[in-house]
Amino acid sequence: MEMQPYRKASEIEVLDGRQVADILGVSVNTAARYMKNQTIPAVKLGGRWVTTTSQLEESLKARQLSRPTDPSNEIDRRSGVLPSRDAGQ
């Protein structure tokens, strides 16, 4: 994993489930499930799942979460988990 340069806390933008849902074009429940299952790295803060813009961007780069074009990238609707990259090989 590549080391990220140190950033001040004031430079980090925190996103809640509603903001993540708006960015991805999914429901708030789906965004919360992605964060709960760590499909998008997140933590629970004050009873709400939150992530940072940089964590969301990294997740989007690693997997095309918002609009999968390859069926192997589709999220299992029951569990909210992405399949393993080598599951079909």
C-alpha atoms as a PDB file:
ATOM      1  CA  MET A   1       0.000   0.000   0.000  1.00  0.00           C
ATOM      2  CA  GLU A   2       1.297   3.405  -0.972  1.00  0.00           C
ATOM      3  CA  MET A   3       2.004   5.788   1.906  1.00  0.00           C
ATOM      4  CA  GLN A   4      -0.147   8.899   1.868  1.00  0.00           C
ATOM      5  CA  PRO A   5       1.367  12.237   2.840  1.00  0.00           C
ATOM      6  CA  TYR A   6       0.362  13.590   6.238  1.00  0.00           C
ATOM      7  CA  ARG A   7      -2.803  15.685   6.110  1.00  0.00           C
ATOM      8  CA  LYS A   8      -4.233  17.959   8.770  1.00  0.00           C
ATOM      9  CA  ALA A   9      -7.591  16.948  10.178  1.00  0.00           C
ATOM     10  CA  SER A  10      -9.060  20.198   8.865  1.00  0.00           C
ATOM     11  CA  GLU A  11      -8.162  19.084   5.304  1.00  0.00           C
ATOM     12  CA  ILE A  12     -10.066  15.784   5.508  1.00  0.00           C
ATOM     13  CA  GLU A  13     -13.660  15.836   4.295  1.00  0.00           C
ATOM     14  CA  VAL A  14     -15.913  13.380   6.121  1.00  0.00           C
ATOM     15  CA  LEU A  15     -18.917  11.980   4.259  1.00  0.00           C
ATOM     16  CA  ASP A  16     -22.009  10.417   5.809  1.00  0.00           C
ATOM     17  CA  GLY A  17     -24.253   7.798   4.235  1.00  0.00           C
ATOM     18  CA  ARG A  18     -26.517  10.333   2.555  1.00  0.00           C
ATOM     19  CA  GLN A  19     -23.572  12.079   0.885  1.00  0.00           C
ATOM     20  CA  VAL A  20     -22.080   8.759  -0.251  1.00  0.00           C
ATOM     21  CA  ALA A  21     -25.491   7.733  -1.627  1.00  0.00           C
ATOM     22  CA  ASP A  22     -25.736  10.995  -3.594  1.00  0.00           C
ATOM     23  CA  ILE A  23     -22.242  10.551  -5.041  1.00  0.00           C
ATOM     24  CA  LEU A  24     -22.820   6.923  -6.040  1.00  0.00           C
ATOM     25  CA  GLY A  25     -26.417   7.343  -7.160  1.00  0.00           C
ATOM     26  CA  VAL A  26     -27.678   4.641  -4.804  1.00  0.00           C
ATOM     27  CA  SER A  27     -30.097   4.616  -1.872  1.00  0.00           C
ATOM     28  CA  VAL A  28     -28.987   5.683   1.590  1.00  0.00           C
ATOM     29  CA  ASN A  29     -29.557   2.098   2.793  1.00  0.00           C
ATOM     30  CA  THR A  30     -27.272   0.737   0.067  1.00  0.00           C
ATOM     31  CA  ALA A  31     -24.556   3.272   0.893  1.00  0.00           C
ATOM     32  CA  ALA A  32     -24.824   2.363   4.589  1.00  0.00           C
ATOM     33  CA  ARG A  33     -24.546  -1.336   3.710  1.00  0.00           C
ATOM     34  CA  TYR A  34     -21.415  -0.667   1.620  1.00  0.00           C
ATOM     35  CA  MET A  35     -19.849   1.105   4.601  1.00  0.00           C
ATOM     36  CA  LYS A  36     -21.001  -1.459   7.190  1.00  0.00           C
ATOM     37  CA  ASN A  37     -19.580  -4.335   5.117  1.00  0.00           C
ATOM     38  CA  GLN A  38     -16.394  -2.346   4.435  1.00  0.00           C
ATOM     39  CA  THR A  39     -16.945  -2.379   0.672  1.00  0.00           C
ATOM     40  CA  ILE A  40     -16.225   1.293   1.254  1.00  0.00           C
ATOM     41  CA  PRO A  41     -13.830   1.719   4.198  1.00  0.00           C
ATOM     42  CA  ALA A  42     -15.757   3.477   6.951  1.00  0.00           C
ATOM     43  CA  VAL A  43     -16.138   3.821  10.710  1.00  0.00           C
ATOM     44  CA  LYS A  44     -19.150   4.261  12.904  1.00  0.00           C
ATOM     45  CA  LEU A  45     -19.082   7.684  14.518  1.00  0.00           C
ATOM     46  CA  GLY A  46     -21.855   8.707  16.889  1.00  0.00           C
ATOM     47  CA  GLY A  47     -24.104   5.937  15.606  1.00  0.00           C
ATOM     48  CA  ARG A  48     -23.621   6.896  11.931  1.00  0.00           C
ATOM     49  CA  TRP A  49     -21.375   5.360   9.293  1.00  0.00           C
ATOM     50  CA  VAL A  50     -18.878   7.850   7.880  1.00  0.00           C
ATOM     51  CA  THR A  51     -16.016   7.721   5.414  1.00  0.00           C
ATOM     52  CA  THR A  52     -13.647  10.252   3.886  1.00  0.00           C
ATOM     53  CA  THR A  53     -13.539  11.529   0.343  1.00  0.00           C
ATOM     54  CA  SER A  54     -10.115   9.945  -0.147  1.00  0.00           C
ATOM     55  CA  GLN A  55     -11.346   6.523   1.077  1.00  0.00           C
ATOM     56  CA  LEU A  56     -14.354   6.727  -1.217  1.00  0.00           C
ATOM     57  CA  GLU A  57     -12.166   7.725  -4.175  1.00  0.00           C
ATOM     58  CA  GLU A  58      -9.813   4.803  -3.520  1.00  0.00           C
ATOM     59  CA  SER A  59     -12.768   2.410  -3.355  1.00  0.00           C
ATOM     60  CA  LEU A  60     -14.109   3.740  -6.627  1.00  0.00           C
ATOM     61  CA  LYS A  61     -10.709   3.340  -8.275  1.00  0.00           C
ATOM     62  CA  ALA A  62     -10.348  -0.228  -7.005  1.00  0.00           C
ATOM     63  CA  ARG A  63     -13.872  -1.270  -8.011  1.00  0.00           C
ATOM     64  CA  GLN A  64     -16.433   0.445 -10.168  1.00  0.00           C
ATOM     65  CA  LEU A  65     -19.083   0.706  -7.445  1.00  0.00           C
ATOM     66  CA  SER A  66     -21.395   3.272  -8.945  1.00  0.00           C
ATOM     67  CA  ARG A  67     -22.142   1.676 -12.314  1.00  0.00           C
ATOM     68  CA  PRO A  68     -20.670  -1.812 -12.754  1.00  0.00           C
ATOM     69  CA  THR A  69     -20.148  -2.755 -16.381  1.00  0.00           C
ATOM     70  CA  ASP A  70     -18.493  -6.100 -15.706  1.00  0.00           C
ATOM     71  CA  PRO A  71     -20.799  -8.619 -13.931  1.00  0.00           C
ATOM     72  CA  SER A  72     -17.854  -9.710 -11.770  1.00  0.00           C
ATOM     73  CA  ASN A  73     -17.878  -6.207 -10.220  1.00  0.00           C
ATOM     74  CA  GLU A  74     -21.531  -6.368  -9.207  1.00  0.00           C
ATOM     75  CA  ILE A  75     -22.276  -6.307  -5.518  1.00  0.00           C
ATOM     76  CA  ASP A  76     -24.241  -9.218  -4.093  1.00  0.00           C
ATOM     77  CA  ARG A  77     -27.625  -7.666  -3.322  1.00  0.00           C
ATOM     78  CA  ARG A  78     -28.256  -9.758  -0.208  1.00  0.00           C
ATOM     79  CA  SER A  79     -24.908  -9.311   1.526  1.00  0.00           C
ATOM     80  CA  GLY A  80     -23.743  -6.005   0.029  1.00  0.00           C
ATOM     81  CA  VAL A  81     -20.324  -7.555  -0.596  1.00  0.00           C
ATOM     82  CA  LEU A  82     -18.290  -7.490  -3.781  1.00  0.00           C
ATOM     83  CA  PRO A  83     -17.206 -10.917  -5.055  1.00  0.00           C
ATOM     84  CA  SER A  84     -13.556 -11.882  -4.881  1.00  0.00           C
ATOM     85  CA  ARG A  85     -11.563 -10.845  -7.947  1.00  0.00           C
ATOM     86  CA  ASP A  86     -10.409 -14.457  -8.542  1.00  0.00           C
ATOM     87  CA  ALA A  87     -13.704 -16.170  -7.695  1.00  0.00           C
ATOM     88  CA  GLY A  88     -14.439 -16.966 -11.333  1.00  0.00           C
ATOM     89  CA  GLN A  89     -10.933 -18.153 -12.263  1.00  0.00           C
END
